Amino acid sequence: VYLVKGDGTNIKVTYPHDLILAKAILDS
């Protein structure tokens, strides 16, 4: 299984604080 470079913003929205980060990413 070969590696593809991901991105730190490719977050998995799992916890309530992730919603805050997700909105910040969208706004940016």
mmCIF file of all heavy atoms, coordinates in Angstrom:
data_MODEL
# 
_entry.id   MODEL 
# 
loop_
_atom_site.group_PDB 
_atom_site.id 
_atom_site.type_symbol 
_atom_site.label_atom_id 
_atom_site.label_alt_id 
_atom_site.label_comp_id 
_atom_site.label_asym_id 
_atom_site.label_entity_id 
_atom_site.label_seq_id 
_atom_site.pdbx_PDB_ins_code 
_atom_site.Cartn_x 
_atom_site.Cartn_y 
_atom_site.Cartn_z 
_atom_site.occupancy 
_atom_site.B_iso_or_equiv 
_atom_site.pdbx_formal_charge 
_atom_site.auth_seq_id 
_atom_site.auth_comp_id 
_atom_site.auth_asym_id 
_atom_site.auth_atom_id 
_atom_site.pdbx_PDB_model_num 
ATOM 1   N N   . VAL A 1 1  ? 0.872   -1.172 0.000  1.00 0.00 ? 1  VAL A N   1 
ATOM 2   C CA  . VAL A 1 1  ? 0.000   0.000  0.000  1.00 0.00 ? 1  VAL A CA  1 
ATOM 3   C C   . VAL A 1 1  ? 0.909   1.221  0.000  1.00 0.00 ? 1  VAL A C   1 
ATOM 4   O O   . VAL A 1 1  ? 1.696   1.423  0.930  1.00 0.00 ? 1  VAL A O   1 
ATOM 5   C CB  . VAL A 1 1  ? -0.925  0.027  1.234  1.00 0.00 ? 1  VAL A CB  1 
ATOM 6   C CG1 . VAL A 1 1  ? -1.795  1.291  1.215  1.00 0.00 ? 1  VAL A CG1 1 
ATOM 7   C CG2 . VAL A 1 1  ? -1.803  -1.220 1.290  1.00 0.00 ? 1  VAL A CG2 1 
ATOM 8   N N   . TYR A 1 2  ? 0.837   2.015  -1.052 1.00 0.00 ? 2  TYR A N   1 
ATOM 9   C CA  . TYR A 1 2  ? 1.733   3.152  -1.207 1.00 0.00 ? 2  TYR A CA  1 
ATOM 10  C C   . TYR A 1 2  ? 1.173   4.394  -0.526 1.00 0.00 ? 2  TYR A C   1 
ATOM 11  O O   . TYR A 1 2  ? -0.041  4.504  -0.306 1.00 0.00 ? 2  TYR A O   1 
ATOM 12  C CB  . TYR A 1 2  ? 1.994   3.407  -2.691 1.00 0.00 ? 2  TYR A CB  1 
ATOM 13  C CG  . TYR A 1 2  ? 2.903   2.366  -3.298 1.00 0.00 ? 2  TYR A CG  1 
ATOM 14  C CD1 . TYR A 1 2  ? 2.424   1.103  -3.639 1.00 0.00 ? 2  TYR A CD1 1 
ATOM 15  C CD2 . TYR A 1 2  ? 4.262   2.625  -3.495 1.00 0.00 ? 2  TYR A CD2 1 
ATOM 16  C CE1 . TYR A 1 2  ? 3.263   0.126  -4.166 1.00 0.00 ? 2  TYR A CE1 1 
ATOM 17  C CE2 . TYR A 1 2  ? 5.108   1.664  -4.023 1.00 0.00 ? 2  TYR A CE2 1 
ATOM 18  C CZ  . TYR A 1 2  ? 4.602   0.415  -4.356 1.00 0.00 ? 2  TYR A CZ  1 
ATOM 19  O OH  . TYR A 1 2  ? 5.433   -0.543 -4.864 1.00 0.00 ? 2  TYR A OH  1 
ATOM 20  N N   . LEU A 1 3  ? 2.067   5.310  -0.176 1.00 0.00 ? 3  LEU A N   1 
ATOM 21  C CA  . LEU A 1 3  ? 1.682   6.507  0.566  1.00 0.00 ? 3  LEU A CA  1 
ATOM 22  C C   . LEU A 1 3  ? 1.433   7.679  -0.380 1.00 0.00 ? 3  LEU A C   1 
ATOM 23  O O   . LEU A 1 3  ? 2.215   7.935  -1.297 1.00 0.00 ? 3  LEU A O   1 
ATOM 24  C CB  . LEU A 1 3  ? 2.782   6.897  1.557  1.00 0.00 ? 3  LEU A CB  1 
ATOM 25  C CG  . LEU A 1 3  ? 3.203   5.848  2.587  1.00 0.00 ? 3  LEU A CG  1 
ATOM 26  C CD1 . LEU A 1 3  ? 4.237   6.445  3.532  1.00 0.00 ? 3  LEU A CD1 1 
ATOM 27  C CD2 . LEU A 1 3  ? 2.002   5.332  3.362  1.00 0.00 ? 3  LEU A CD2 1 
ATOM 28  N N   . VAL A 1 4  ? 0.329   8.370  -0.118 1.00 0.00 ? 4  VAL A N   1 
ATOM 29  C CA  . VAL A 1 4  ? 0.016   9.626  -0.794 1.00 0.00 ? 4  VAL A CA  1 
ATOM 30  C C   . VAL A 1 4  ? 0.049   10.730 0.258  1.00 0.00 ? 4  VAL A C   1 
ATOM 31  O O   . VAL A 1 4  ? -0.496  10.569 1.355  1.00 0.00 ? 4  VAL A O   1 
ATOM 32  C CB  . VAL A 1 4  ? -1.371  9.565  -1.468 1.00 0.00 ? 4  VAL A CB  1 
ATOM 33  C CG1 . VAL A 1 4  ? -1.824  10.956 -1.906 1.00 0.00 ? 4  VAL A CG1 1 
ATOM 34  C CG2 . VAL A 1 4  ? -1.347  8.629  -2.660 1.00 0.00 ? 4  VAL A CG2 1 
ATOM 35  N N   . LYS A 1 5  ? 0.680   11.841 -0.051 1.00 0.00 ? 5  LYS A N   1 
ATOM 36  C CA  . LYS A 1 5  ? 0.818   12.943 0.896  1.00 0.00 ? 5  LYS A CA  1 
ATOM 37  C C   . LYS A 1 5  ? -0.527  13.598 1.157  1.00 0.00 ? 5  LYS A C   1 
ATOM 38  O O   . LYS A 1 5  ? -1.194  14.071 0.235  1.00 0.00 ? 5  LYS A O   1 
ATOM 39  C CB  . LYS A 1 5  ? 1.811   13.977 0.365  1.00 0.00 ? 5  LYS A CB  1 
ATOM 40  C CG  . LYS A 1 5  ? 2.075   15.123 1.325  1.00 0.00 ? 5  LYS A CG  1 
ATOM 41  C CD  . LYS A 1 5  ? 3.073   16.108 0.734  1.00 0.00 ? 5  LYS A CD  1 
ATOM 42  C CE  . LYS A 1 5  ? 3.322   17.274 1.686  1.00 0.00 ? 5  LYS A CE  1 
ATOM 43  N NZ  . LYS A 1 5  ? 4.271   18.262 1.098  1.00 0.00 ? 5  LYS A NZ  1 
ATOM 44  N N   . GLY A 1 6  ? -0.924  13.610 2.424  1.00 0.00 ? 6  GLY A N   1 
ATOM 45  C CA  . GLY A 1 6  ? -2.169  14.253 2.819  1.00 0.00 ? 6  GLY A CA  1 
ATOM 46  C C   . GLY A 1 6  ? -1.952  15.709 3.169  1.00 0.00 ? 6  GLY A C   1 
ATOM 47  O O   . GLY A 1 6  ? -0.975  16.342 2.780  1.00 0.00 ? 6  GLY A O   1 
ATOM 48  N N   . ASP A 1 7  ? -2.885  16.235 3.949  1.00 0.00 ? 7  ASP A N   1 
ATOM 49  C CA  . ASP A 1 7  ? -2.846  17.645 4.320  1.00 0.00 ? 7  ASP A CA  1 
ATOM 50  C C   . ASP A 1 7  ? -3.389  17.788 5.733  1.00 0.00 ? 7  ASP A C   1 
ATOM 51  O O   . ASP A 1 7  ? -4.365  17.124 6.089  1.00 0.00 ? 7  ASP A O   1 
ATOM 52  C CB  . ASP A 1 7  ? -3.683  18.466 3.336  1.00 0.00 ? 7  ASP A CB  1 
ATOM 53  C CG  . ASP A 1 7  ? -3.453  19.958 3.480  1.00 0.00 ? 7  ASP A CG  1 
ATOM 54  O OD1 . ASP A 1 7  ? -3.834  20.509 4.525  1.00 0.00 ? 7  ASP A OD1 1 
ATOM 55  O OD2 . ASP A 1 7  ? -2.914  20.578 2.545  1.00 0.00 ? 7  ASP A OD2 1 
ATOM 56  N N   . GLY A 1 8  ? -2.774  18.676 6.506  1.00 0.00 ? 8  GLY A N   1 
ATOM 57  C CA  . GLY A 1 8  ? -3.222  18.878 7.874  1.00 0.00 ? 8  GLY A CA  1 
ATOM 58  C C   . GLY A 1 8  ? -4.647  19.397 7.978  1.00 0.00 ? 8  GLY A C   1 
ATOM 59  O O   . GLY A 1 8  ? -5.307  19.211 9.007  1.00 0.00 ? 8  GLY A O   1 
ATOM 60  N N   . THR A 1 9  ? -5.144  20.045 6.919  1.00 0.00 ? 9  THR A N   1 
ATOM 61  C CA  . THR A 1 9  ? -6.518  20.546 6.945  1.00 0.00 ? 9  THR A CA  1 
ATOM 62  C C   . THR A 1 9  ? -7.545  19.482 6.553  1.00 0.00 ? 9  THR A C   1 
ATOM 63  O O   . THR A 1 9  ? -8.744  19.725 6.663  1.00 0.00 ? 9  THR A O   1 
ATOM 64  C CB  . THR A 1 9  ? -6.689  21.757 6.016  1.00 0.00 ? 9  THR A CB  1 
ATOM 65  O OG1 . THR A 1 9  ? -6.427  21.359 4.662  1.00 0.00 ? 9  THR A OG1 1 
ATOM 66  C CG2 . THR A 1 9  ? -5.756  22.881 6.405  1.00 0.00 ? 9  THR A CG2 1 
ATOM 67  N N   . ASN A 1 10 ? -7.075  18.329 6.119  1.00 0.00 ? 10 ASN A N   1 
ATOM 68  C CA  . ASN A 1 10 ? -7.984  17.240 5.729  1.00 0.00 ? 10 ASN A CA  1 
ATOM 69  C C   . ASN A 1 10 ? -8.458  16.520 6.996  1.00 0.00 ? 10 ASN A C   1 
ATOM 70  O O   . ASN A 1 10 ? -8.250  15.325 7.183  1.00 0.00 ? 10 ASN A O   1 
ATOM 71  C CB  . ASN A 1 10 ? -7.254  16.288 4.789  1.00 0.00 ? 10 ASN A CB  1 
ATOM 72  C CG  . ASN A 1 10 ? -8.148  15.174 4.252  1.00 0.00 ? 10 ASN A CG  1 
ATOM 73  O OD1 . ASN A 1 10 ? -9.369  15.325 4.168  1.00 0.00 ? 10 ASN A OD1 1 
ATOM 74  N ND2 . ASN A 1 10 ? -7.546  14.038 3.913  1.00 0.00 ? 10 ASN A ND2 1 
ATOM 75  N N   . ILE A 1 11 ? -9.127  17.273 7.858  1.00 0.00 ? 11 ILE A N   1 
ATOM 76  C CA  . ILE A 1 11 ? -9.496  16.764 9.181  1.00 0.00 ? 11 ILE A CA  1 
ATOM 77  C C   . ILE A 1 11 ? -10.756 15.916 9.122  1.00 0.00 ? 11 ILE A C   1 
ATOM 78  O O   . ILE A 1 11 ? -11.590 16.060 8.226  1.00 0.00 ? 11 ILE A O   1 
ATOM 79  C CB  . ILE A 1 11 ? -9.701  17.912 10.189 1.00 0.00 ? 11 ILE A CB  1 
ATOM 80  C CG1 . ILE A 1 11 ? -10.884 18.801 9.769  1.00 0.00 ? 11 ILE A CG1 1 
ATOM 81  C CG2 . ILE A 1 11 ? -8.430  18.720 10.355 1.00 0.00 ? 11 ILE A CG2 1 
ATOM 82  C CD1 . ILE A 1 11 ? -11.320 19.793 10.834 1.00 0.00 ? 11 ILE A CD1 1 
ATOM 83  N N   . LYS A 1 12 ? -10.889 15.038 10.108 1.00 0.00 ? 12 LYS A N   1 
ATOM 84  C CA  . LYS A 1 12 ? -12.103 14.256 10.296 1.00 0.00 ? 12 LYS A CA  1 
ATOM 85  C C   . LYS A 1 12 ? -12.909 14.925 11.397 1.00 0.00 ? 12 LYS A C   1 
ATOM 86  O O   . LYS A 1 12 ? -12.450 15.035 12.539 1.00 0.00 ? 12 LYS A O   1 
ATOM 87  C CB  . LYS A 1 12 ? -11.758 12.819 10.677 1.00 0.00 ? 12 LYS A CB  1 
ATOM 88  C CG  . LYS A 1 12 ? -12.959 11.897 10.771 1.00 0.00 ? 12 LYS A CG  1 
ATOM 89  C CD  . LYS A 1 12 ? -12.515 10.469 11.070 1.00 0.00 ? 12 LYS A CD  1 
ATOM 90  C CE  . LYS A 1 12 ? -13.713 9.521  11.092 1.00 0.00 ? 12 LYS A CE  1 
ATOM 91  N NZ  . LYS A 1 12 ? -13.283 8.126  11.398 1.00 0.00 ? 12 LYS A NZ  1 
ATOM 92  N N   . VAL A 1 13 ? -14.098 15.383 11.074 1.00 0.00 ? 13 VAL A N   1 
ATOM 93  C CA  . VAL A 1 13 ? -14.924 16.096 12.038 1.00 0.00 ? 13 VAL A CA  1 
ATOM 94  C C   . VAL A 1 13 ? -15.587 15.063 12.952 1.00 0.00 ? 13 VAL A C   1 
ATOM 95  O O   . VAL A 1 13 ? -16.526 14.376 12.550 1.00 0.00 ? 13 VAL A O   1 
ATOM 96  C CB  . VAL A 1 13 ? -15.975 16.964 11.332 1.00 0.00 ? 13 VAL A CB  1 
ATOM 97  C CG1 . VAL A 1 13 ? -16.799 17.735 12.364 1.00 0.00 ? 13 VAL A CG1 1 
ATOM 98  C CG2 . VAL A 1 13 ? -15.299 17.932 10.363 1.00 0.00 ? 13 VAL A CG2 1 
ATOM 99  N N   . THR A 1 14 ? -15.084 14.970 14.167 1.00 0.00 ? 14 THR A N   1 
ATOM 100 C CA  . THR A 1 14 ? -15.508 13.922 15.098 1.00 0.00 ? 14 THR A CA  1 
ATOM 101 C C   . THR A 1 14 ? -16.047 14.479 16.407 1.00 0.00 ? 14 THR A C   1 
ATOM 102 O O   . THR A 1 14 ? -17.059 14.006 16.923 1.00 0.00 ? 14 THR A O   1 
ATOM 103 C CB  . THR A 1 14 ? -14.323 12.983 15.404 1.00 0.00 ? 14 THR A CB  1 
ATOM 104 O OG1 . THR A 1 14 ? -13.808 12.463 14.172 1.00 0.00 ? 14 THR A OG1 1 
ATOM 105 C CG2 . THR A 1 14 ? -14.754 11.825 16.301 1.00 0.00 ? 14 THR A CG2 1 
ATOM 106 N N   . TYR A 1 15 ? -15.367 15.500 16.944 1.00 0.00 ? 15 TYR A N   1 
ATOM 107 C CA  . TYR A 1 15 ? -15.714 16.060 18.246 1.00 0.00 ? 15 TYR A CA  1 
ATOM 108 C C   . TYR A 1 15 ? -16.221 17.494 18.083 1.00 0.00 ? 15 TYR A C   1 
ATOM 109 O O   . TYR A 1 15 ? -15.969 18.141 17.047 1.00 0.00 ? 15 TYR A O   1 
ATOM 110 C CB  . TYR A 1 15 ? -14.494 16.038 19.161 1.00 0.00 ? 15 TYR A CB  1 
ATOM 111 C CG  . TYR A 1 15 ? -13.984 14.640 19.451 1.00 0.00 ? 15 TYR A CG  1 
ATOM 112 C CD1 . TYR A 1 15 ? -12.873 14.129 18.778 1.00 0.00 ? 15 TYR A CD1 1 
ATOM 113 C CD2 . TYR A 1 15 ? -14.618 13.833 20.391 1.00 0.00 ? 15 TYR A CD2 1 
ATOM 114 C CE1 . TYR A 1 15 ? -12.405 12.851 19.045 1.00 0.00 ? 15 TYR A CE1 1 
ATOM 115 C CE2 . TYR A 1 15 ? -14.152 12.550 20.670 1.00 0.00 ? 15 TYR A CE2 1 
ATOM 116 C CZ  . TYR A 1 15 ? -13.046 12.067 19.992 1.00 0.00 ? 15 TYR A CZ  1 
ATOM 117 O OH  . TYR A 1 15 ? -12.598 10.800 20.252 1.00 0.00 ? 15 TYR A OH  1 
ATOM 118 N N   . PRO A 1 16 ? -16.927 18.026 19.101 1.00 0.00 ? 16 PRO A N   1 
ATOM 119 C CA  . PRO A 1 16 ? -17.454 19.394 18.993 1.00 0.00 ? 16 PRO A CA  1 
ATOM 120 C C   . PRO A 1 16 ? -16.407 20.438 18.630 1.00 0.00 ? 16 PRO A C   1 
ATOM 121 O O   . PRO A 1 16 ? -16.687 21.351 17.840 1.00 0.00 ? 16 PRO A O   1 
ATOM 122 C CB  . PRO A 1 16 ? -18.035 19.639 20.392 1.00 0.00 ? 16 PRO A CB  1 
ATOM 123 C CG  . PRO A 1 16 ? -18.472 18.292 20.857 1.00 0.00 ? 16 PRO A CG  1 
ATOM 124 C CD  . PRO A 1 16 ? -17.418 17.343 20.327 1.00 0.00 ? 16 PRO A CD  1 
ATOM 125 N N   . HIS A 1 17 ? -15.180 20.321 19.169 1.00 0.00 ? 17 HIS A N   1 
ATOM 126 C CA  . HIS A 1 17 ? -14.166 21.330 18.847 1.00 0.00 ? 17 HIS A CA  1 
ATOM 127 C C   . HIS A 1 17 ? -13.746 21.264 17.383 1.00 0.00 ? 17 HIS A C   1 
ATOM 128 O O   . HIS A 1 17 ? -13.220 22.243 16.842 1.00 0.00 ? 17 HIS A O   1 
ATOM 129 C CB  . HIS A 1 17 ? -12.946 21.203 19.768 1.00 0.00 ? 17 HIS A CB  1 
ATOM 130 C CG  . HIS A 1 17 ? -12.203 19.917 19.615 1.00 0.00 ? 17 HIS A CG  1 
ATOM 131 N ND1 . HIS A 1 17 ? -12.382 18.836 20.455 1.00 0.00 ? 17 HIS A ND1 1 
ATOM 132 C CD2 . HIS A 1 17 ? -11.250 19.527 18.719 1.00 0.00 ? 17 HIS A CD2 1 
ATOM 133 C CE1 . HIS A 1 17 ? -11.584 17.857 20.096 1.00 0.00 ? 17 HIS A CE1 1 
ATOM 134 N NE2 . HIS A 1 17 ? -10.894 18.240 19.043 1.00 0.00 ? 17 HIS A NE2 1 
ATOM 135 N N   . ASP A 1 18 ? -13.974 20.113 16.739 1.00 0.00 ? 18 ASP A N   1 
ATOM 136 C CA  . ASP A 1 18 ? -13.646 20.009 15.318 1.00 0.00 ? 18 ASP A CA  1 
ATOM 137 C C   . ASP A 1 18 ? -14.540 20.916 14.475 1.00 0.00 ? 18 ASP A C   1 
ATOM 138 O O   . ASP A 1 18 ? -14.134 21.365 13.390 1.00 0.00 ? 18 ASP A O   1 
ATOM 139 C CB  . ASP A 1 18 ? -13.796 18.561 14.831 1.00 0.00 ? 18 ASP A CB  1 
ATOM 140 C CG  . ASP A 1 18 ? -12.784 17.621 15.463 1.00 0.00 ? 18 ASP A CG  1 
ATOM 141 O OD1 . ASP A 1 18 ? -11.663 18.065 15.748 1.00 0.00 ? 18 ASP A OD1 1 
ATOM 142 O OD2 . ASP A 1 18 ? -13.130 16.439 15.680 1.00 0.00 ? 18 ASP A OD2 1 
ATOM 143 N N   . LEU A 1 19 ? -15.755 21.172 14.942 1.00 0.00 ? 19 LEU A N   1 
ATOM 144 C CA  . LEU A 1 19 ? -16.669 22.060 14.214 1.00 0.00 ? 19 LEU A CA  1 
ATOM 145 C C   . LEU A 1 19 ? -16.117 23.482 14.170 1.00 0.00 ? 19 LEU A C   1 
ATOM 146 O O   . LEU A 1 19 ? -16.251 24.178 13.153 1.00 0.00 ? 19 LEU A O   1 
ATOM 147 C CB  . LEU A 1 19 ? -18.053 22.048 14.856 1.00 0.00 ? 19 LEU A CB  1 
ATOM 148 C CG  . LEU A 1 19 ? -18.841 20.737 14.757 1.00 0.00 ? 19 LEU A CG  1 
ATOM 149 C CD1 . LEU A 1 19 ? -20.101 20.809 15.613 1.00 0.00 ? 19 LEU A CD1 1 
ATOM 150 C CD2 . LEU A 1 19 ? -19.192 20.438 13.309 1.00 0.00 ? 19 LEU A CD2 1 
ATOM 151 N N   . ILE A 1 20 ? -15.490 23.910 15.255 1.00 0.00 ? 20 ILE A N   1 
ATOM 152 C CA  . ILE A 1 20 ? -14.894 25.245 15.295 1.00 0.00 ? 20 ILE A CA  1 
ATOM 153 C C   . ILE A 1 20 ? -13.748 25.335 14.295 1.00 0.00 ? 20 ILE A C   1 
ATOM 154 O O   . ILE A 1 20 ? -13.630 26.298 13.532 1.00 0.00 ? 20 ILE A O   1 
ATOM 155 C CB  . ILE A 1 20 ? -14.402 25.561 16.722 1.00 0.00 ? 20 ILE A CB  1 
ATOM 156 C CG1 . ILE A 1 20 ? -15.574 25.539 17.704 1.00 0.00 ? 20 ILE A CG1 1 
ATOM 157 C CG2 . ILE A 1 20 ? -13.684 26.914 16.756 1.00 0.00 ? 20 ILE A CG2 1 
ATOM 158 C CD1 . ILE A 1 20 ? -15.144 25.642 19.166 1.00 0.00 ? 20 ILE A CD1 1 
ATOM 159 N N   . LEU A 1 21 ? -12.904 24.303 14.281 1.00 0.00 ? 21 LEU A N   1 
ATOM 160 C CA  . LEU A 1 21 ? -11.782 24.274 13.341 1.00 0.00 ? 21 LEU A CA  1 
ATOM 161 C C   . LEU A 1 21 ? -12.285 24.200 11.906 1.00 0.00 ? 21 LEU A C   1 
ATOM 162 O O   . LEU A 1 21 ? -11.752 24.878 11.013 1.00 0.00 ? 21 LEU A O   1 
ATOM 163 C CB  . LEU A 1 21 ? -10.879 23.080 13.652 1.00 0.00 ? 21 LEU A CB  1 
ATOM 164 C CG  . LEU A 1 21 ? -9.670  22.874 12.741 1.00 0.00 ? 21 LEU A CG  1 
ATOM 165 C CD1 . LEU A 1 21 ? -8.792  24.122 12.703 1.00 0.00 ? 21 LEU A CD1 1 
ATOM 166 C CD2 . LEU A 1 21 ? -8.861  21.665 13.205 1.00 0.00 ? 21 LEU A CD2 1 
ATOM 167 N N   . ALA A 1 22 ? -13.322 23.391 11.667 1.00 0.00 ? 22 ALA A N   1 
ATOM 168 C CA  . ALA A 1 22 ? -13.866 23.242 10.317 1.00 0.00 ? 22 ALA A CA  1 
ATOM 169 C C   . ALA A 1 22 ? -14.403 24.562 9.798  1.00 0.00 ? 22 ALA A C   1 
ATOM 170 O O   . ALA A 1 22 ? -14.190 24.937 8.630  1.00 0.00 ? 22 ALA A O   1 
ATOM 171 C CB  . ALA A 1 22 ? -14.965 22.186 10.313 1.00 0.00 ? 22 ALA A CB  1 
ATOM 172 N N   . LYS A 1 23 ? -15.109 25.305 10.644 1.00 0.00 ? 23 LYS A N   1 
ATOM 173 C CA  . LYS A 1 23 ? -15.632 26.601 10.223 1.00 0.00 ? 23 LYS A CA  1 
ATOM 174 C C   . LYS A 1 23 ? -14.491 27.572 9.906  1.00 0.00 ? 23 LYS A C   1 
ATOM 175 O O   . LYS A 1 23 ? -14.550 28.329 8.926  1.00 0.00 ? 23 LYS A O   1 
ATOM 176 C CB  . LYS A 1 23 ? -16.532 27.207 11.298 1.00 0.00 ? 23 LYS A CB  1 
ATOM 177 C CG  . LYS A 1 23 ? -17.253 28.473 10.854 1.00 0.00 ? 23 LYS A CG  1 
ATOM 178 C CD  . LYS A 1 23 ? -18.158 29.009 11.929 1.00 0.00 ? 23 LYS A CD  1 
ATOM 179 C CE  . LYS A 1 23 ? -19.002 30.170 11.395 1.00 0.00 ? 23 LYS A CE  1 
ATOM 180 N NZ  . LYS A 1 23 ? -18.191 31.239 10.751 1.00 0.00 ? 23 LYS A NZ  1 
ATOM 181 N N   . ALA A 1 24 ? -13.430 27.524 10.716 1.00 0.00 ? 24 ALA A N   1 
ATOM 182 C CA  . ALA A 1 24 ? -12.282 28.387 10.461 1.00 0.00 ? 24 ALA A CA  1 
ATOM 183 C C   . ALA A 1 24 ? -11.622 28.059 9.130  1.00 0.00 ? 24 ALA A C   1 
ATOM 184 O O   . ALA A 1 24 ? -11.209 28.960 8.394  1.00 0.00 ? 24 ALA A O   1 
ATOM 185 C CB  . ALA A 1 24 ? -11.271 28.248 11.610 1.00 0.00 ? 24 ALA A CB  1 
ATOM 186 N N   . ILE A 1 25 ? -11.519 26.766 8.812  1.00 0.00 ? 25 ILE A N   1 
ATOM 187 C CA  . ILE A 1 25 ? -10.929 26.363 7.530  1.00 0.00 ? 25 ILE A CA  1 
ATOM 188 C C   . ILE A 1 25 ? -11.797 26.861 6.380  1.00 0.00 ? 25 ILE A C   1 
ATOM 189 O O   . ILE A 1 25 ? -11.277 27.398 5.381  1.00 0.00 ? 25 ILE A O   1 
ATOM 190 C CB  . ILE A 1 25 ? -10.769 24.832 7.474  1.00 0.00 ? 25 ILE A CB  1 
ATOM 191 C CG1 . ILE A 1 25 ? -9.739  24.358 8.497  1.00 0.00 ? 25 ILE A CG1 1 
ATOM 192 C CG2 . ILE A 1 25 ? -10.348 24.396 6.061  1.00 0.00 ? 25 ILE A CG2 1 
ATOM 193 C CD1 . ILE A 1 25 ? -9.668  22.842 8.647  1.00 0.00 ? 25 ILE A CD1 1 
ATOM 194 N N   . LEU A 1 26 ? -13.114 26.680 6.494  1.00 0.00 ? 26 LEU A N   1 
ATOM 195 C CA  . LEU A 1 26 ? -14.013 27.166 5.443  1.00 0.00 ? 26 LEU A CA  1 
ATOM 196 C C   . LEU A 1 26 ? -13.905 28.663 5.260  1.00 0.00 ? 26 LEU A C   1 
ATOM 197 O O   . LEU A 1 26 ? -13.825 29.171 4.133  1.00 0.00 ? 26 LEU A O   1 
ATOM 198 C CB  . LEU A 1 26 ? -15.460 26.778 5.780  1.00 0.00 ? 26 LEU A CB  1 
ATOM 199 C CG  . LEU A 1 26 ? -15.949 25.408 5.346  1.00 0.00 ? 26 LEU A CG  1 
ATOM 200 C CD1 . LEU A 1 26 ? -17.406 25.223 5.768  1.00 0.00 ? 26 LEU A CD1 1 
ATOM 201 C CD2 . LEU A 1 26 ? -15.813 25.200 3.846  1.00 0.00 ? 26 LEU A CD2 1 
ATOM 202 N N   . ASP A 1 27 ? -13.905 29.391 6.368  1.00 0.00 ? 27 ASP A N   1 
ATOM 203 C CA  . ASP A 1 27 ? -13.838 30.845 6.286  1.00 0.00 ? 27 ASP A CA  1 
ATOM 204 C C   . ASP A 1 27 ? -12.521 31.316 5.678  1.00 0.00 ? 27 ASP A C   1 
ATOM 205 O O   . ASP A 1 27 ? -12.484 32.316 4.944  1.00 0.00 ? 27 ASP A O   1 
ATOM 206 C CB  . ASP A 1 27 ? -14.007 31.454 7.676  1.00 0.00 ? 27 ASP A CB  1 
ATOM 207 C CG  . ASP A 1 27 ? -15.429 31.291 8.222  1.00 0.00 ? 27 ASP A CG  1 
ATOM 208 O OD1 . ASP A 1 27 ? -16.337 30.996 7.429  1.00 0.00 ? 27 ASP A OD1 1 
ATOM 209 O OD2 . ASP A 1 27 ? -15.614 31.427 9.446  1.00 0.00 ? 27 ASP A OD2 1 
ATOM 210 N N   . SER A 1 28 ? -11.442 30.590 5.949  1.00 0.00 ? 28 SER A N   1 
ATOM 211 C CA  . SER A 1 28 ? -10.136 30.981 5.420  1.00 0.00 ? 28 SER A CA  1 
ATOM 212 C C   . SER A 1 28 ? -10.022 30.717 3.920  1.00 0.00 ? 28 SER A C   1 
ATOM 213 O O   . SER A 1 28 ? -9.172  31.300 3.249  1.00 0.00 ? 28 SER A O   1 
ATOM 214 C CB  . SER A 1 28 ? -9.017  30.247 6.148  1.00 0.00 ? 28 SER A CB  1 
ATOM 215 O OG  . SER A 1 28 ? -9.026  28.856 5.837  1.00 0.00 ? 28 SER A OG  1 
# 
